[in-house]
Amino acid sequence: MFQNGIKQNIIEFGVFVATPEVGAFGRAVAQVSRRRIGIATLHSLGNDGFAKAGRIEDLDLLITDQDADPEAIVRIEALGVKVIVAQL
């Protein structure tokens, strides 16, 4: 599972987290996981991260909330990632 920030430009570059240690942990977990699920809340969407944890298209599923940028959701889905929008 990744906690990530997504901006229009970050979609092309990947999933980012706050520290290199969290990024390394996320990459290690993703390598041995059967499914990779990302969570991006209203508070993390649009925030730059510091360390790369992986590529958006490597996620199987992204869960976000209804305040997520609809255009970003479309672009993420175009990469083959299923997106679930949770209704608060």
N, C-alpha and C. Protein backbone atom coordinates (compact mmCIF):
# COMPACT_ATOMS: atom_id res chain seq x y z
N MET A 1 0.84 -1.16 0.00
CA MET A 1 0.00 0.00 0.00
C MET A 1 0.89 1.23 0.00
N PHE A 2 0.53 2.22 -0.79
CA PHE A 2 1.28 3.46 -0.84
C PHE A 2 0.41 4.61 -0.35
N GLN A 3 0.97 5.50 0.40
CA GLN A 3 0.34 6.78 0.68
C GLN A 3 1.05 7.75 -0.27
N ASN A 4 0.32 8.42 -1.11
CA ASN A 4 1.01 9.18 -2.14
C ASN A 4 0.36 10.52 -2.42
N GLY A 5 1.10 11.38 -3.09
CA GLY A 5 0.59 12.64 -3.60
C GLY A 5 0.58 12.57 -5.11
N ILE A 6 -0.48 13.05 -5.73
CA ILE A 6 -0.58 12.98 -7.18
C ILE A 6 -0.88 14.37 -7.73
N LYS A 7 -0.05 14.87 -8.61
CA LYS A 7 -0.29 16.07 -9.38
C LYS A 7 -0.33 15.64 -10.84
N GLN A 8 -0.76 16.53 -11.69
CA GLN A 8 -0.77 16.19 -13.11
C GLN A 8 0.62 15.73 -13.56
N ASN A 9 1.68 16.43 -13.16
CA ASN A 9 3.02 16.05 -13.61
C ASN A 9 3.53 14.81 -12.89
N ILE A 10 3.09 14.53 -11.67
CA ILE A 10 3.56 13.36 -10.93
C ILE A 10 3.00 12.08 -11.52
N ILE A 11 1.84 12.16 -12.19
CA ILE A 11 1.26 10.97 -12.81
C ILE A 11 2.28 10.33 -13.76
N GLU A 12 3.03 11.15 -14.47
CA GLU A 12 4.03 10.61 -15.39
C GLU A 12 5.26 10.09 -14.65
N PHE A 13 5.55 10.62 -13.46
CA PHE A 13 6.80 10.31 -12.79
C PHE A 13 6.68 9.27 -11.69
N GLY A 14 5.49 9.10 -11.11
CA GLY A 14 5.33 8.02 -10.14
C GLY A 14 4.70 8.41 -8.82
N VAL A 15 4.78 7.46 -7.90
CA VAL A 15 4.23 7.60 -6.56
C VAL A 15 5.34 8.14 -5.66
N PHE A 16 5.05 9.21 -4.96
CA PHE A 16 6.06 9.83 -4.10
C PHE A 16 5.62 9.82 -2.65
N VAL A 17 6.59 9.73 -1.77
CA VAL A 17 6.34 9.72 -0.33
C VAL A 17 7.27 10.72 0.35
N ALA A 18 7.15 10.85 1.65
CA ALA A 18 7.85 11.91 2.38
C ALA A 18 9.34 11.67 2.59
N THR A 19 9.76 10.42 2.75
CA THR A 19 11.17 10.17 3.07
C THR A 19 11.72 9.02 2.23
N PRO A 20 13.04 8.99 2.04
CA PRO A 20 13.65 7.88 1.30
C PRO A 20 13.39 6.52 1.95
N GLU A 21 13.33 6.49 3.28
CA GLU A 21 13.10 5.22 3.97
C GLU A 21 11.70 4.68 3.67
N VAL A 22 10.71 5.55 3.66
CA VAL A 22 9.35 5.13 3.34
C VAL A 22 9.27 4.68 1.88
N GLY A 23 9.98 5.38 1.00
CA GLY A 23 10.03 4.98 -0.41
C GLY A 23 10.65 3.61 -0.59
N ALA A 24 11.76 3.35 0.10
CA ALA A 24 12.42 2.05 0.01
C ALA A 24 11.52 0.95 0.56
N PHE A 25 10.84 1.23 1.67
CA PHE A 25 9.92 0.25 2.25
C PHE A 25 8.78 -0.03 1.28
N GLY A 26 8.20 1.01 0.69
CA GLY A 26 7.11 0.84 -0.27
C GLY A 26 7.51 0.03 -1.48
N ARG A 27 8.71 0.28 -2.00
CA ARG A 27 9.21 -0.49 -3.15
C ARG A 27 9.40 -1.96 -2.78
N ALA A 28 9.95 -2.21 -1.59
CA ALA A 28 10.17 -3.59 -1.15
C ALA A 28 8.85 -4.34 -0.98
N VAL A 29 7.88 -3.68 -0.37
CA VAL A 29 6.57 -4.30 -0.18
C VAL A 29 5.91 -4.58 -1.54
N ALA A 30 6.01 -3.62 -2.46
CA ALA A 30 5.39 -3.78 -3.77
C ALA A 30 5.98 -4.96 -4.54
N GLN A 31 7.28 -5.19 -4.37
CA GLN A 31 7.93 -6.29 -5.09
C GLN A 31 7.41 -7.66 -4.68
N VAL A 32 6.96 -7.80 -3.45
CA VAL A 32 6.50 -9.10 -2.98
C VAL A 32 4.98 -9.18 -2.85
N SER A 33 4.29 -8.14 -3.24
CA SER A 33 2.83 -8.11 -3.11
C SER A 33 2.14 -8.71 -4.32
N ARG A 34 1.03 -9.39 -4.07
CA ARG A 34 0.22 -9.91 -5.17
C ARG A 34 -0.61 -8.78 -5.79
N ARG A 35 -1.08 -7.86 -4.97
CA ARG A 35 -1.83 -6.69 -5.45
C ARG A 35 -1.25 -5.45 -4.81
N ARG A 36 -1.17 -4.38 -5.59
CA ARG A 36 -0.64 -3.12 -5.08
C ARG A 36 -1.77 -2.10 -5.06
N ILE A 37 -2.09 -1.62 -3.88
CA ILE A 37 -3.20 -0.69 -3.69
C ILE A 37 -2.66 0.61 -3.14
N GLY A 38 -3.02 1.71 -3.80
CA GLY A 38 -2.61 3.03 -3.35
C GLY A 38 -3.79 3.78 -2.75
N ILE A 39 -3.50 4.63 -1.78
CA ILE A 39 -4.51 5.47 -1.16
C ILE A 39 -4.06 6.91 -1.31
N ALA A 40 -4.93 7.73 -1.88
CA ALA A 40 -4.62 9.15 -2.06
C ALA A 40 -5.84 9.95 -1.63
N THR A 41 -5.79 10.52 -0.44
CA THR A 41 -6.91 11.31 0.07
C THR A 41 -6.84 12.73 -0.48
N LEU A 42 -7.87 13.48 -0.21
CA LEU A 42 -7.91 14.89 -0.58
C LEU A 42 -6.65 15.60 -0.09
N HIS A 43 -6.18 15.27 1.09
CA HIS A 43 -5.02 15.96 1.66
C HIS A 43 -3.71 15.57 0.99
N SER A 44 -3.62 14.40 0.41
CA SER A 44 -2.37 14.02 -0.24
C SER A 44 -2.38 14.31 -1.73
N LEU A 45 -3.56 14.43 -2.33
CA LEU A 45 -3.62 14.76 -3.76
C LEU A 45 -3.08 16.16 -3.97
N GLY A 46 -2.19 16.29 -4.93
CA GLY A 46 -1.64 17.60 -5.25
C GLY A 46 -0.45 18.00 -4.43
N ASN A 47 -0.04 17.19 -3.47
CA ASN A 47 1.13 17.50 -2.67
C ASN A 47 2.34 16.79 -3.24
N ASP A 48 3.43 17.53 -3.36
CA ASP A 48 4.67 16.92 -3.82
C ASP A 48 5.24 16.05 -2.72
N GLY A 49 5.84 14.96 -3.12
CA GLY A 49 6.54 14.11 -2.18
C GLY A 49 8.04 14.27 -2.37
N PHE A 50 8.79 13.57 -1.56
CA PHE A 50 10.24 13.71 -1.59
C PHE A 50 10.93 12.53 -2.25
N ALA A 51 10.46 11.33 -1.97
CA ALA A 51 11.14 10.12 -2.43
C ALA A 51 10.21 9.28 -3.28
N LYS A 52 10.73 8.76 -4.37
CA LYS A 52 9.91 7.94 -5.26
C LYS A 52 9.73 6.54 -4.68
N ALA A 53 8.47 6.10 -4.65
CA ALA A 53 8.16 4.76 -4.15
C ALA A 53 7.83 3.81 -5.29
N GLY A 54 7.43 4.34 -6.44
CA GLY A 54 7.08 3.47 -7.56
C GLY A 54 6.35 4.24 -8.64
N ARG A 55 5.91 3.51 -9.66
CA ARG A 55 5.19 4.12 -10.77
C ARG A 55 3.69 3.98 -10.55
N ILE A 56 2.94 4.98 -10.96
CA ILE A 56 1.47 4.94 -10.84
C ILE A 56 0.94 3.70 -11.55
N GLU A 57 1.43 3.43 -12.73
CA GLU A 57 0.90 2.32 -13.52
C GLU A 57 1.23 0.95 -12.92
N ASP A 58 2.10 0.90 -11.92
CA ASP A 58 2.37 -0.35 -11.24
C ASP A 58 1.32 -0.68 -10.18
N LEU A 59 0.45 0.29 -9.87
CA LEU A 59 -0.64 0.03 -8.93
C LEU A 59 -1.73 -0.77 -9.62
N ASP A 60 -2.37 -1.64 -8.87
CA ASP A 60 -3.54 -2.35 -9.37
C ASP A 60 -4.81 -1.55 -9.09
N LEU A 61 -4.79 -0.82 -8.00
CA LEU A 61 -5.98 -0.11 -7.53
C LEU A 61 -5.57 1.15 -6.80
N LEU A 62 -6.28 2.24 -7.05
CA LEU A 62 -6.08 3.48 -6.31
C LEU A 62 -7.41 3.87 -5.69
N ILE A 63 -7.40 4.12 -4.40
CA ILE A 63 -8.59 4.57 -3.69
C ILE A 63 -8.41 6.04 -3.36
N THR A 64 -9.42 6.84 -3.68
CA THR A 64 -9.37 8.27 -3.40
C THR A 64 -10.76 8.73 -2.97
N ASP A 65 -10.92 10.02 -2.75
CA ASP A 65 -12.23 10.51 -2.32
C ASP A 65 -12.88 11.35 -3.42
N GLN A 66 -14.11 11.76 -3.18
CA GLN A 66 -14.89 12.44 -4.22
C GLN A 66 -14.35 13.82 -4.57
N ASP A 67 -13.43 14.35 -3.80
CA ASP A 67 -12.84 15.65 -4.11
C ASP A 67 -11.60 15.54 -4.99
N ALA A 68 -11.26 14.33 -5.41
CA ALA A 68 -10.11 14.14 -6.29
C ALA A 68 -10.36 14.81 -7.64
N ASP A 69 -9.29 15.24 -8.26
CA ASP A 69 -9.36 15.89 -9.57
C ASP A 69 -9.86 14.87 -10.60
N PRO A 70 -11.04 15.11 -11.20
CA PRO A 70 -11.60 14.16 -12.17
C PRO A 70 -10.67 13.90 -13.36
N GLU A 71 -9.95 14.92 -13.81
CA GLU A 71 -9.03 14.75 -14.94
C GLU A 71 -7.88 13.82 -14.54
N ALA A 72 -7.38 13.96 -13.32
CA ALA A 72 -6.31 13.08 -12.85
C ALA A 72 -6.80 11.63 -12.78
N ILE A 73 -8.03 11.43 -12.35
CA ILE A 73 -8.61 10.08 -12.28
C ILE A 73 -8.66 9.46 -13.67
N VAL A 74 -9.11 10.22 -14.65
CA VAL A 74 -9.19 9.71 -16.03
C VAL A 74 -7.80 9.33 -16.52
N ARG A 75 -6.81 10.16 -16.25
CA ARG A 75 -5.45 9.87 -16.71
C ARG A 75 -4.87 8.63 -16.02
N ILE A 76 -5.18 8.48 -14.74
CA ILE A 76 -4.70 7.30 -14.01
C ILE A 76 -5.37 6.04 -14.54
N GLU A 77 -6.67 6.11 -14.79
CA GLU A 77 -7.39 4.95 -15.35
C GLU A 77 -6.86 4.60 -16.73
N ALA A 78 -6.45 5.60 -17.51
CA ALA A 78 -5.89 5.34 -18.84
C ALA A 78 -4.58 4.56 -18.75
N LEU A 79 -3.93 4.61 -17.60
CA LEU A 79 -2.69 3.84 -17.40
C LEU A 79 -2.99 2.40 -16.98
N GLY A 80 -4.28 2.07 -16.87
CA GLY A 80 -4.67 0.70 -16.53
C GLY A 80 -4.88 0.47 -15.05
N VAL A 81 -4.94 1.55 -14.26
CA VAL A 81 -5.14 1.44 -12.82
C VAL A 81 -6.63 1.61 -12.53
N LYS A 82 -7.21 0.67 -11.81
CA LYS A 82 -8.61 0.81 -11.39
C LYS A 82 -8.66 1.85 -10.28
N VAL A 83 -9.60 2.79 -10.37
CA VAL A 83 -9.74 3.84 -9.37
C VAL A 83 -11.10 3.71 -8.71
N ILE A 84 -11.10 3.68 -7.40
CA ILE A 84 -12.35 3.69 -6.62
C ILE A 84 -12.44 5.03 -5.91
N VAL A 85 -13.56 5.71 -6.10
CA VAL A 85 -13.80 6.99 -5.44
C VAL A 85 -14.74 6.73 -4.26
N ALA A 86 -14.21 6.90 -3.06
CA ALA A 86 -14.99 6.69 -1.84
C ALA A 86 -15.86 7.93 -1.59
N GLN A 87 -17.10 7.70 -1.28
CA GLN A 87 -18.02 8.79 -0.95
C GLN A 87 -17.98 9.02 0.55
N LEU A 88 -17.66 10.24 0.94
CA LEU A 88 -17.58 10.56 2.37
C LEU A 88 -18.92 11.01 2.91
